[in-house]
Amino acid sequence: MREVVIDVFPGVYPPSDDSYMLADVVNSMELKGKKFLEIGCGSGIVSITAAVRGAEVTAVDINPRAAECTLHNAEKSGVKIRAFQSDLFENVTGEFDVIAFNPPYLPGTEDDPDYDVAWSGGEDGRAVLDRFLKEFDRYLKPCGVLLLVHSSLNNPAKTMEILEEKGYRVDIMAQEQFFLETLYVIRAVKPCP
């Protein structure tokens, strides 16, 4: 298996515990020939892991430097992916077998001195997540899989309920306890026709 090489450009969210958790889940999946979309690719660790597993990968981030960083790291890791700037699905077309998203989920507002679009999910930590949940379904093929990083700080039960109401089969693929929160990787499988 190829080694995933990660350099982090200035101004790009570096891989953290949540990124590694999601990458581990992706690494456990059969992805050969699957169309894989990562929203919020950051340095590209999750997208590159999917490409190493044989997926056809599209990676987007609101930060154009993140898309550049992801392309750089994909080349260094010996895989080809598409990466470009997009605010969620704004510049995305087509349908995918797998969509992965590690949203900004920490509560915070632009008034906070350390505010950063890479981690701040608004007042309740759900601002970006709730926008995503309204849009993602039309980009996921029937029987497709959504992988979503979630924090105990922003109501994972609400997210799971939203997904179940859409008819998705929902479970927890991974979880890890940290000082102030528990992080989860939620898997939601779209109904098959």
N, C-alpha and C. Protein backbone atom coordinates (compact mmCIF):
# COMPACT_ATOMS: atom_id res chain seq x y z
N MET A 1 0.84 -1.19 0.00
CA MET A 1 0.00 0.00 0.00
C MET A 1 0.88 1.24 0.00
N ARG A 2 0.47 2.26 -0.78
CA ARG A 2 1.22 3.51 -0.82
C ARG A 2 1.17 4.22 0.53
N GLU A 3 2.22 4.98 0.79
CA GLU A 3 2.25 5.80 2.00
C GLU A 3 1.55 7.13 1.71
N VAL A 4 0.75 7.57 2.66
CA VAL A 4 0.09 8.87 2.54
C VAL A 4 1.04 9.93 3.10
N VAL A 5 1.44 10.87 2.23
CA VAL A 5 2.38 11.92 2.62
C VAL A 5 1.58 13.21 2.82
N ILE A 6 1.76 13.84 3.98
CA ILE A 6 0.99 15.06 4.27
C ILE A 6 1.92 16.20 4.65
N ASP A 7 1.96 17.22 3.80
CA ASP A 7 2.55 18.52 4.13
C ASP A 7 1.37 19.45 4.40
N VAL A 8 1.54 20.40 5.29
CA VAL A 8 0.44 21.33 5.57
C VAL A 8 0.87 22.73 5.16
N PHE A 9 0.15 23.31 4.22
CA PHE A 9 0.43 24.67 3.77
C PHE A 9 -0.01 25.66 4.85
N PRO A 10 0.63 26.83 4.91
CA PRO A 10 0.16 27.88 5.83
C PRO A 10 -1.31 28.21 5.56
N GLY A 11 -2.09 28.35 6.62
CA GLY A 11 -3.49 28.70 6.49
C GLY A 11 -4.41 27.52 6.22
N VAL A 12 -3.87 26.29 6.25
CA VAL A 12 -4.67 25.09 6.00
C VAL A 12 -4.81 24.31 7.30
N TYR A 13 -6.03 23.82 7.57
CA TYR A 13 -6.30 23.05 8.79
C TYR A 13 -5.45 21.77 8.78
N PRO A 14 -4.58 21.60 9.79
CA PRO A 14 -3.73 20.40 9.81
C PRO A 14 -4.53 19.19 10.29
N PRO A 15 -4.11 17.97 9.91
CA PRO A 15 -4.82 16.79 10.38
C PRO A 15 -4.77 16.72 11.91
N SER A 16 -5.88 16.39 12.52
CA SER A 16 -5.97 16.26 13.96
C SER A 16 -6.65 14.93 14.27
N ASP A 17 -6.99 14.70 15.53
CA ASP A 17 -7.59 13.42 15.92
C ASP A 17 -8.82 13.09 15.08
N ASP A 18 -9.65 14.10 14.82
CA ASP A 18 -10.87 13.85 14.04
C ASP A 18 -10.53 13.42 12.60
N SER A 19 -9.51 14.05 12.01
CA SER A 19 -9.09 13.69 10.64
C SER A 19 -8.57 12.25 10.59
N TYR A 20 -7.76 11.88 11.56
CA TYR A 20 -7.21 10.52 11.59
C TYR A 20 -8.30 9.48 11.82
N MET A 21 -9.29 9.79 12.67
CA MET A 21 -10.41 8.87 12.89
C MET A 21 -11.14 8.60 11.59
N LEU A 22 -11.46 9.67 10.86
CA LEU A 22 -12.17 9.53 9.60
C LEU A 22 -11.31 8.78 8.58
N ALA A 23 -10.03 9.11 8.50
CA ALA A 23 -9.13 8.41 7.57
C ALA A 23 -9.06 6.92 7.89
N ASP A 24 -9.06 6.55 9.18
CA ASP A 24 -9.04 5.13 9.57
C ASP A 24 -10.29 4.41 9.10
N VAL A 25 -11.45 5.07 9.23
CA VAL A 25 -12.70 4.45 8.77
C VAL A 25 -12.65 4.27 7.25
N VAL A 26 -12.22 5.30 6.53
CA VAL A 26 -12.11 5.22 5.07
C VAL A 26 -11.15 4.11 4.67
N ASN A 27 -10.05 3.97 5.40
CA ASN A 27 -9.05 2.95 5.10
C ASN A 27 -9.60 1.53 5.29
N SER A 28 -10.67 1.38 6.07
CA SER A 28 -11.25 0.05 6.32
C SER A 28 -12.30 -0.33 5.27
N MET A 29 -12.59 0.58 4.34
CA MET A 29 -13.67 0.35 3.38
C MET A 29 -13.15 -0.21 2.05
N GLU A 30 -14.02 -0.93 1.35
CA GLU A 30 -13.74 -1.37 -0.02
C GLU A 30 -14.16 -0.23 -0.95
N LEU A 31 -13.19 0.43 -1.57
CA LEU A 31 -13.49 1.63 -2.36
C LEU A 31 -13.09 1.53 -3.82
N LYS A 32 -12.53 0.41 -4.23
CA LYS A 32 -12.03 0.30 -5.61
C LYS A 32 -13.14 0.62 -6.61
N GLY A 33 -12.90 1.62 -7.45
CA GLY A 33 -13.84 2.01 -8.49
C GLY A 33 -15.01 2.87 -8.01
N LYS A 34 -15.05 3.18 -6.73
CA LYS A 34 -16.15 3.99 -6.19
C LYS A 34 -15.86 5.47 -6.40
N LYS A 35 -16.93 6.24 -6.61
CA LYS A 35 -16.80 7.71 -6.69
C LYS A 35 -16.91 8.27 -5.28
N PHE A 36 -15.88 8.98 -4.84
CA PHE A 36 -15.74 9.44 -3.45
C PHE A 36 -15.62 10.95 -3.44
N LEU A 37 -16.42 11.60 -2.62
CA LEU A 37 -16.37 13.06 -2.48
C LEU A 37 -16.04 13.39 -1.03
N GLU A 38 -15.01 14.23 -0.83
CA GLU A 38 -14.77 14.77 0.50
C GLU A 38 -15.08 16.25 0.48
N ILE A 39 -15.95 16.66 1.37
CA ILE A 39 -16.26 18.08 1.58
C ILE A 39 -15.38 18.54 2.74
N GLY A 40 -14.65 19.65 2.54
CA GLY A 40 -13.77 20.16 3.60
C GLY A 40 -12.51 19.32 3.70
N CYS A 41 -11.75 19.25 2.61
CA CYS A 41 -10.61 18.31 2.54
C CYS A 41 -9.40 18.73 3.37
N GLY A 42 -9.28 20.01 3.73
CA GLY A 42 -8.11 20.41 4.52
C GLY A 42 -6.82 20.04 3.82
N SER A 43 -5.96 19.29 4.50
CA SER A 43 -4.67 18.88 3.94
C SER A 43 -4.79 17.69 3.00
N GLY A 44 -5.95 17.04 2.99
CA GLY A 44 -6.19 15.95 2.05
C GLY A 44 -6.01 14.54 2.58
N ILE A 45 -5.77 14.37 3.88
CA ILE A 45 -5.46 13.03 4.39
C ILE A 45 -6.58 12.02 4.12
N VAL A 46 -7.83 12.43 4.25
CA VAL A 46 -8.95 11.50 4.03
C VAL A 46 -9.10 11.20 2.54
N SER A 47 -9.06 12.22 1.71
CA SER A 47 -9.19 12.03 0.26
C SER A 47 -8.07 11.16 -0.30
N ILE A 48 -6.86 11.40 0.15
CA ILE A 48 -5.72 10.62 -0.34
C ILE A 48 -5.83 9.17 0.12
N THR A 49 -6.28 8.96 1.36
CA THR A 49 -6.51 7.59 1.85
C THR A 49 -7.51 6.87 0.96
N ALA A 50 -8.59 7.57 0.58
CA ALA A 50 -9.60 6.97 -0.31
C ALA A 50 -9.00 6.64 -1.67
N ALA A 51 -8.17 7.54 -2.20
CA ALA A 51 -7.54 7.30 -3.51
C ALA A 51 -6.59 6.11 -3.44
N VAL A 52 -5.85 5.99 -2.36
CA VAL A 52 -4.95 4.84 -2.17
C VAL A 52 -5.77 3.54 -2.15
N ARG A 53 -6.99 3.60 -1.63
CA ARG A 53 -7.88 2.44 -1.57
C ARG A 53 -8.57 2.17 -2.91
N GLY A 54 -8.28 2.99 -3.93
CA GLY A 54 -8.79 2.72 -5.27
C GLY A 54 -10.00 3.53 -5.69
N ALA A 55 -10.39 4.53 -4.87
CA ALA A 55 -11.55 5.36 -5.21
C ALA A 55 -11.18 6.42 -6.24
N GLU A 56 -12.19 6.86 -6.98
CA GLU A 56 -12.07 8.02 -7.87
C GLU A 56 -12.50 9.22 -7.02
N VAL A 57 -11.54 10.08 -6.64
CA VAL A 57 -11.77 11.05 -5.59
C VAL A 57 -11.92 12.47 -6.11
N THR A 58 -12.94 13.15 -5.58
CA THR A 58 -13.11 14.59 -5.73
C THR A 58 -13.04 15.18 -4.32
N ALA A 59 -12.22 16.21 -4.15
CA ALA A 59 -12.03 16.84 -2.83
C ALA A 59 -12.27 18.33 -2.97
N VAL A 60 -13.07 18.89 -2.06
CA VAL A 60 -13.33 20.32 -2.11
C VAL A 60 -13.16 20.94 -0.72
N ASP A 61 -12.89 22.23 -0.72
CA ASP A 61 -12.77 22.97 0.53
C ASP A 61 -13.12 24.43 0.24
N ILE A 62 -13.69 25.10 1.21
CA ILE A 62 -14.00 26.52 1.06
C ILE A 62 -12.72 27.35 0.92
N ASN A 63 -11.62 26.82 1.45
CA ASN A 63 -10.31 27.47 1.41
C ASN A 63 -9.55 26.99 0.17
N PRO A 64 -9.30 27.88 -0.80
CA PRO A 64 -8.58 27.44 -2.00
C PRO A 64 -7.18 26.90 -1.71
N ARG A 65 -6.54 27.38 -0.65
CA ARG A 65 -5.22 26.86 -0.27
C ARG A 65 -5.30 25.40 0.15
N ALA A 66 -6.42 25.01 0.76
CA ALA A 66 -6.61 23.61 1.15
C ALA A 66 -6.68 22.72 -0.09
N ALA A 67 -7.39 23.17 -1.12
CA ALA A 67 -7.47 22.39 -2.36
C ALA A 67 -6.07 22.24 -2.97
N GLU A 68 -5.29 23.32 -2.98
CA GLU A 68 -3.91 23.27 -3.49
C GLU A 68 -3.06 22.31 -2.66
N CYS A 69 -3.21 22.37 -1.34
CA CYS A 69 -2.45 21.51 -0.44
C CYS A 69 -2.81 20.04 -0.68
N THR A 70 -4.09 19.77 -0.87
CA THR A 70 -4.55 18.40 -1.13
C THR A 70 -3.96 17.88 -2.43
N LEU A 71 -3.96 18.69 -3.49
CA LEU A 71 -3.37 18.27 -4.77
C LEU A 71 -1.88 17.99 -4.61
N HIS A 72 -1.19 18.87 -3.89
CA HIS A 72 0.24 18.70 -3.62
C HIS A 72 0.50 17.36 -2.90
N ASN A 73 -0.29 17.10 -1.85
CA ASN A 73 -0.09 15.87 -1.07
C ASN A 73 -0.47 14.61 -1.85
N ALA A 74 -1.48 14.73 -2.72
CA ALA A 74 -1.86 13.59 -3.56
C ALA A 74 -0.71 13.23 -4.51
N GLU A 75 -0.12 14.25 -5.11
CA GLU A 75 1.01 14.01 -6.01
C GLU A 75 2.18 13.37 -5.26
N LYS A 76 2.49 13.90 -4.07
CA LYS A 76 3.58 13.32 -3.28
C LYS A 76 3.28 11.89 -2.84
N SER A 77 1.99 11.58 -2.70
CA SER A 77 1.58 10.23 -2.28
C SER A 77 1.39 9.29 -3.47
N GLY A 78 1.54 9.82 -4.70
CA GLY A 78 1.47 8.98 -5.89
C GLY A 78 0.07 8.62 -6.34
N VAL A 79 -0.92 9.47 -6.00
CA VAL A 79 -2.30 9.21 -6.45
C VAL A 79 -2.84 10.45 -7.15
N LYS A 80 -3.86 10.23 -7.98
CA LYS A 80 -4.50 11.34 -8.69
C LYS A 80 -5.88 11.58 -8.08
N ILE A 81 -6.17 12.84 -7.80
CA ILE A 81 -7.50 13.22 -7.35
C ILE A 81 -7.84 14.57 -7.98
N ARG A 82 -9.12 14.90 -7.97
CA ARG A 82 -9.57 16.24 -8.36
C ARG A 82 -9.77 17.01 -7.07
N ALA A 83 -9.27 18.24 -7.00
CA ALA A 83 -9.48 19.08 -5.81
C ALA A 83 -9.66 20.52 -6.27
N PHE A 84 -10.67 21.18 -5.68
CA PHE A 84 -10.94 22.57 -6.05
C PHE A 84 -11.71 23.26 -4.94
N GLN A 85 -11.80 24.57 -5.04
CA GLN A 85 -12.50 25.39 -4.05
C GLN A 85 -14.00 25.24 -4.23
N SER A 86 -14.70 25.06 -3.12
CA SER A 86 -16.16 25.03 -3.15
C SER A 86 -16.68 25.23 -1.73
N ASP A 87 -17.69 26.06 -1.59
CA ASP A 87 -18.40 26.21 -0.31
C ASP A 87 -19.45 25.11 -0.28
N LEU A 88 -19.16 24.04 0.47
CA LEU A 88 -19.97 22.82 0.45
C LEU A 88 -20.13 22.36 -1.00
N PHE A 89 -21.37 22.26 -1.50
CA PHE A 89 -21.62 21.68 -2.83
C PHE A 89 -21.69 22.73 -3.94
N GLU A 90 -21.37 23.97 -3.64
CA GLU A 90 -21.53 25.08 -4.58
C GLU A 90 -20.97 24.78 -5.98
N ASN A 91 -19.78 24.19 -6.06
CA ASN A 91 -19.14 23.92 -7.35
C ASN A 91 -19.05 22.44 -7.68
N VAL A 92 -19.85 21.62 -6.99
CA VAL A 92 -19.82 20.16 -7.16
C VAL A 92 -20.93 19.74 -8.10
N THR A 93 -20.61 18.80 -9.00
CA THR A 93 -21.64 18.21 -9.88
C THR A 93 -21.52 16.70 -9.81
N GLY A 94 -22.59 16.03 -10.15
CA GLY A 94 -22.58 14.57 -10.21
C GLY A 94 -23.04 13.92 -8.91
N GLU A 95 -23.02 12.58 -8.94
CA GLU A 95 -23.41 11.78 -7.78
C GLU A 95 -22.24 10.90 -7.38
N PHE A 96 -22.22 10.56 -6.09
CA PHE A 96 -21.08 9.84 -5.52
C PHE A 96 -21.55 8.62 -4.73
N ASP A 97 -20.67 7.62 -4.66
CA ASP A 97 -20.94 6.42 -3.86
C ASP A 97 -20.71 6.68 -2.37
N VAL A 98 -19.74 7.55 -2.09
CA VAL A 98 -19.39 7.88 -0.71
C VAL A 98 -19.16 9.39 -0.61
N ILE A 99 -19.73 10.00 0.41
CA ILE A 99 -19.45 11.40 0.73
C ILE A 99 -18.93 11.43 2.16
N ALA A 100 -17.78 12.07 2.36
CA ALA A 100 -17.18 12.20 3.69
C ALA A 100 -17.11 13.69 4.04
N PHE A 101 -17.41 13.99 5.31
CA PHE A 101 -17.39 15.39 5.75
C PHE A 101 -16.98 15.45 7.21
N ASN A 102 -15.95 16.23 7.47
CA ASN A 102 -15.52 16.55 8.83
C ASN A 102 -15.81 18.04 9.01
N PRO A 103 -17.02 18.37 9.43
CA PRO A 103 -17.42 19.78 9.43
C PRO A 103 -16.79 20.57 10.57
N PRO A 104 -16.73 21.88 10.42
CA PRO A 104 -16.37 22.71 11.57
C PRO A 104 -17.50 22.56 12.60
N TYR A 105 -17.17 22.07 13.80
CA TYR A 105 -18.23 21.72 14.74
C TYR A 105 -18.10 22.35 16.12
N LEU A 106 -17.03 23.08 16.37
CA LEU A 106 -16.91 23.70 17.69
C LEU A 106 -17.75 24.96 17.76
N PRO A 107 -18.48 25.15 18.86
CA PRO A 107 -19.24 26.39 18.99
C PRO A 107 -18.30 27.60 19.00
N GLY A 108 -18.63 28.61 18.22
CA GLY A 108 -17.82 29.82 18.16
C GLY A 108 -18.39 30.78 17.13
N THR A 109 -18.15 32.05 17.31
CA THR A 109 -18.64 33.05 16.37
C THR A 109 -17.50 33.93 15.91
N GLU A 110 -17.78 34.76 14.92
CA GLU A 110 -16.76 35.64 14.37
C GLU A 110 -16.27 36.65 15.39
N ASP A 111 -16.98 36.81 16.50
CA ASP A 111 -16.54 37.72 17.57
C ASP A 111 -15.42 37.12 18.41
N ASP A 112 -15.25 35.78 18.34
CA ASP A 112 -14.20 35.13 19.14
C ASP A 112 -12.82 35.51 18.61
N PRO A 113 -11.87 35.79 19.50
CA PRO A 113 -10.54 36.20 19.04
C PRO A 113 -9.82 35.12 18.24
N ASP A 114 -10.11 33.84 18.51
CA ASP A 114 -9.45 32.74 17.79
C ASP A 114 -10.32 32.17 16.68
N TYR A 115 -11.36 32.91 16.27
CA TYR A 115 -12.30 32.40 15.26
C TYR A 115 -11.55 31.92 14.01
N ASP A 116 -11.97 30.76 13.51
CA ASP A 116 -11.40 30.22 12.28
C ASP A 116 -12.49 29.41 11.58
N VAL A 117 -12.71 29.68 10.31
CA VAL A 117 -13.75 29.00 9.54
C VAL A 117 -13.50 27.48 9.51
N ALA A 118 -12.26 27.05 9.74
CA ALA A 118 -11.93 25.62 9.71
C ALA A 118 -12.51 24.86 10.89
N TRP A 119 -12.74 25.52 12.01
CA TRP A 119 -13.25 24.80 13.18
C TRP A 119 -14.56 25.35 13.73
N SER A 120 -14.90 26.59 13.45
CA SER A 120 -16.07 27.19 14.08
C SER A 120 -17.36 26.82 13.35
N GLY A 121 -18.26 26.21 14.10
CA GLY A 121 -19.54 25.81 13.55
C GLY A 121 -20.68 26.73 13.95
N GLY A 122 -20.35 27.98 14.29
CA GLY A 122 -21.39 28.92 14.69
C GLY A 122 -21.73 28.77 16.16
N GLU A 123 -22.75 29.48 16.58
CA GLU A 123 -23.09 29.57 18.00
C GLU A 123 -23.30 28.21 18.67
N ASP A 124 -24.00 27.29 17.97
CA ASP A 124 -24.28 25.98 18.56
C ASP A 124 -23.45 24.87 17.93
N GLY A 125 -22.49 25.24 17.06
CA GLY A 125 -21.64 24.25 16.41
C GLY A 125 -22.31 23.53 15.24
N ARG A 126 -23.52 23.96 14.85
CA ARG A 126 -24.26 23.24 13.81
C ARG A 126 -24.49 24.06 12.54
N ALA A 127 -24.00 25.28 12.45
CA ALA A 127 -24.32 26.15 11.32
C ALA A 127 -23.95 25.52 9.97
N VAL A 128 -22.72 25.06 9.84
CA VAL A 128 -22.28 24.47 8.57
C VAL A 128 -22.90 23.08 8.41
N LEU A 129 -22.94 22.32 9.49
CA LEU A 129 -23.50 20.97 9.46
C LEU A 129 -24.95 20.97 8.98
N ASP A 130 -25.77 21.86 9.50
CA ASP A 130 -27.17 21.89 9.10
C ASP A 130 -27.34 22.28 7.63
N ARG A 131 -26.50 23.18 7.13
CA ARG A 131 -26.52 23.49 5.69
C ARG A 131 -26.19 22.25 4.88
N PHE A 132 -25.15 21.52 5.31
CA PHE A 132 -24.74 20.30 4.62
C PHE A 132 -25.87 19.27 4.59
N LEU A 133 -26.53 19.08 5.75
CA LEU A 133 -27.58 18.06 5.85
C LEU A 133 -28.77 18.36 4.93
N LYS A 134 -28.98 19.63 4.58
CA LYS A 134 -30.06 20.00 3.67
C LYS A 134 -29.70 19.68 2.21
N GLU A 135 -28.40 19.61 1.90
CA GLU A 135 -27.97 19.51 0.50
C GLU A 135 -27.43 18.16 0.07
N PHE A 136 -26.82 17.40 0.98
CA PHE A 136 -25.99 16.27 0.57
C PHE A 136 -26.74 15.17 -0.17
N ASP A 137 -28.01 14.95 0.17
CA ASP A 137 -28.75 13.79 -0.32
C ASP A 137 -28.80 13.71 -1.84
N ARG A 138 -28.93 14.85 -2.50
CA ARG A 138 -29.04 14.81 -3.97
C ARG A 138 -27.72 14.48 -4.66
N TYR A 139 -26.61 14.48 -3.92
CA TYR A 139 -25.29 14.16 -4.49
C TYR A 139 -24.86 12.73 -4.17
N LEU A 140 -25.67 12.00 -3.41
CA LEU A 140 -25.32 10.65 -2.99
C LEU A 140 -26.18 9.65 -3.77
N LYS A 141 -25.52 8.69 -4.40
CA LYS A 141 -26.23 7.67 -5.17
C LYS A 141 -27.09 6.80 -4.25
N PRO A 142 -28.13 6.16 -4.80
CA PRO A 142 -28.85 5.17 -4.01
C PRO A 142 -27.88 4.10 -3.48
N CYS A 143 -28.09 3.66 -2.27
CA CYS A 143 -27.21 2.71 -1.56
C CYS A 143 -25.88 3.35 -1.15
N GLY A 144 -25.71 4.66 -1.40
CA GLY A 144 -24.46 5.35 -1.08
C GLY A 144 -24.28 5.53 0.42
N VAL A 145 -23.04 5.87 0.78
CA VAL A 145 -22.65 5.98 2.18
C VAL A 145 -22.19 7.41 2.50
N LEU A 146 -22.75 7.96 3.56
CA LEU A 146 -22.27 9.22 4.12
C LEU A 146 -21.44 8.91 5.35
N LEU A 147 -20.24 9.50 5.43
CA LEU A 147 -19.40 9.42 6.62
C LEU A 147 -19.27 10.82 7.18
N LEU A 148 -19.68 10.99 8.43
CA LEU A 148 -19.77 12.31 9.01
C LEU A 148 -19.10 12.33 10.38
N VAL A 149 -18.09 13.21 10.54
CA VAL A 149 -17.49 13.38 11.86
C VAL A 149 -18.42 14.26 12.68
N HIS A 150 -18.61 13.88 13.95
CA HIS A 150 -19.53 14.61 14.81
C HIS A 150 -18.95 14.70 16.21
N SER A 151 -19.24 15.80 16.88
CA SER A 151 -18.81 16.00 18.26
C SER A 151 -20.02 15.88 19.19
N SER A 152 -19.76 15.41 20.39
CA SER A 152 -20.82 15.38 21.41
C SER A 152 -21.26 16.79 21.78
N LEU A 153 -20.47 17.81 21.41
CA LEU A 153 -20.79 19.20 21.74
C LEU A 153 -21.91 19.79 20.89
N ASN A 154 -22.24 19.13 19.76
CA ASN A 154 -23.27 19.74 18.90
C ASN A 154 -24.38 18.77 18.51
N ASN A 155 -24.81 17.97 19.47
CA ASN A 155 -26.05 17.20 19.39
C ASN A 155 -26.06 16.14 18.28
N PRO A 156 -25.25 15.08 18.43
CA PRO A 156 -25.26 14.01 17.42
C PRO A 156 -26.62 13.32 17.30
N ALA A 157 -27.39 13.25 18.40
CA ALA A 157 -28.71 12.61 18.33
C ALA A 157 -29.61 13.33 17.33
N LYS A 158 -29.53 14.66 17.30
CA LYS A 158 -30.34 15.44 16.35
C LYS A 158 -29.95 15.09 14.91
N THR A 159 -28.65 14.99 14.65
CA THR A 159 -28.18 14.66 13.30
C THR A 159 -28.65 13.26 12.90
N MET A 160 -28.52 12.31 13.82
CA MET A 160 -28.94 10.94 13.51
C MET A 160 -30.44 10.88 13.24
N GLU A 161 -31.20 11.66 13.96
CA GLU A 161 -32.66 11.72 13.75
C GLU A 161 -32.98 12.29 12.37
N ILE A 162 -32.28 13.37 11.97
CA ILE A 162 -32.48 13.97 10.64
C ILE A 162 -32.21 12.94 9.56
N LEU A 163 -31.11 12.19 9.71
CA LEU A 163 -30.74 11.19 8.71
C LEU A 163 -31.76 10.05 8.67
N GLU A 164 -32.20 9.60 9.84
CA GLU A 164 -33.19 8.51 9.88
C GLU A 164 -34.51 8.95 9.27
N GLU A 165 -34.88 10.21 9.47
CA GLU A 165 -36.12 10.73 8.86
C GLU A 165 -36.03 10.73 7.34
N LYS A 166 -34.82 10.83 6.80
CA LYS A 166 -34.62 10.76 5.34
C LYS A 166 -34.61 9.30 4.86
N GLY A 167 -34.72 8.36 5.79
CA GLY A 167 -34.75 6.95 5.42
C GLY A 167 -33.39 6.25 5.48
N TYR A 168 -32.38 6.95 5.96
CA TYR A 168 -31.04 6.37 6.02
C TYR A 168 -30.92 5.38 7.18
N ARG A 169 -30.10 4.35 6.99
CA ARG A 169 -29.72 3.43 8.07
C ARG A 169 -28.46 4.02 8.71
N VAL A 170 -28.51 4.31 10.00
CA VAL A 170 -27.47 5.09 10.67
C VAL A 170 -26.81 4.27 11.77
N ASP A 171 -25.47 4.34 11.82
CA ASP A 171 -24.74 3.74 12.94
C ASP A 171 -23.45 4.51 13.19
N ILE A 172 -22.79 4.16 14.28
CA ILE A 172 -21.52 4.79 14.67
C ILE A 172 -20.39 3.87 14.25
N MET A 173 -19.49 4.37 13.41
CA MET A 173 -18.35 3.56 12.93
C MET A 173 -17.15 3.64 13.87
N ALA A 174 -17.00 4.78 14.54
CA ALA A 174 -15.85 4.97 15.44
C ALA A 174 -16.22 6.04 16.45
N GLN A 175 -15.61 5.95 17.62
CA GLN A 175 -15.78 7.02 18.60
C GLN A 175 -14.56 7.05 19.51
N GLU A 176 -14.26 8.26 19.98
CA GLU A 176 -13.11 8.44 20.84
C GLU A 176 -13.41 9.56 21.84
N GLN A 177 -13.11 9.29 23.09
CA GLN A 177 -13.35 10.24 24.17
C GLN A 177 -12.13 11.15 24.32
N PHE A 178 -12.37 12.45 24.38
CA PHE A 178 -11.32 13.42 24.65
C PHE A 178 -11.69 14.20 25.90
N PHE A 179 -10.89 15.14 26.29
CA PHE A 179 -11.08 15.84 27.55
C PHE A 179 -12.47 16.44 27.68
N LEU A 180 -12.90 17.22 26.70
CA LEU A 180 -14.17 17.93 26.81
C LEU A 180 -15.29 17.36 25.93
N GLU A 181 -14.98 16.37 25.11
CA GLU A 181 -15.97 15.90 24.15
C GLU A 181 -15.69 14.46 23.74
N THR A 182 -16.69 13.86 23.12
CA THR A 182 -16.51 12.59 22.43
C THR A 182 -16.67 12.88 20.95
N LEU A 183 -15.77 12.33 20.15
CA LEU A 183 -15.87 12.45 18.69
C LEU A 183 -16.39 11.14 18.11
N TYR A 184 -17.25 11.25 17.10
CA TYR A 184 -17.84 10.09 16.45
C TYR A 184 -17.61 10.18 14.95
N VAL A 185 -17.57 9.02 14.30
CA VAL A 185 -17.76 8.96 12.85
C VAL A 185 -19.09 8.25 12.65
N ILE A 186 -20.07 9.01 12.17
CA ILE A 186 -21.40 8.48 11.90
C ILE A 186 -21.42 7.99 10.45
N ARG A 187 -21.95 6.78 10.25
CA ARG A 187 -22.17 6.26 8.89
C ARG A 187 -23.67 6.24 8.65
N ALA A 188 -24.09 6.78 7.51
CA ALA A 188 -25.49 6.75 7.12
C ALA A 188 -25.58 6.17 5.72
N VAL A 189 -26.35 5.11 5.56
CA VAL A 189 -26.47 4.42 4.26
C VAL A 189 -27.81 4.78 3.63
N LYS A 190 -27.75 5.31 2.42
CA LYS A 190 -28.95 5.73 1.70
C LYS A 190 -29.75 4.50 1.26
N PRO A 191 -31.07 4.60 1.31
CA PRO A 191 -31.88 3.47 0.88
C PRO A 191 -31.59 3.07 -0.57
N CYS A 192 -31.66 1.77 -0.83
CA CYS A 192 -31.50 1.26 -2.19
C CYS A 192 -32.87 1.23 -2.86
N PRO A 193 -32.91 1.35 -4.19
CA PRO A 193 -34.22 1.33 -4.87
C PRO A 193 -34.88 -0.03 -4.76
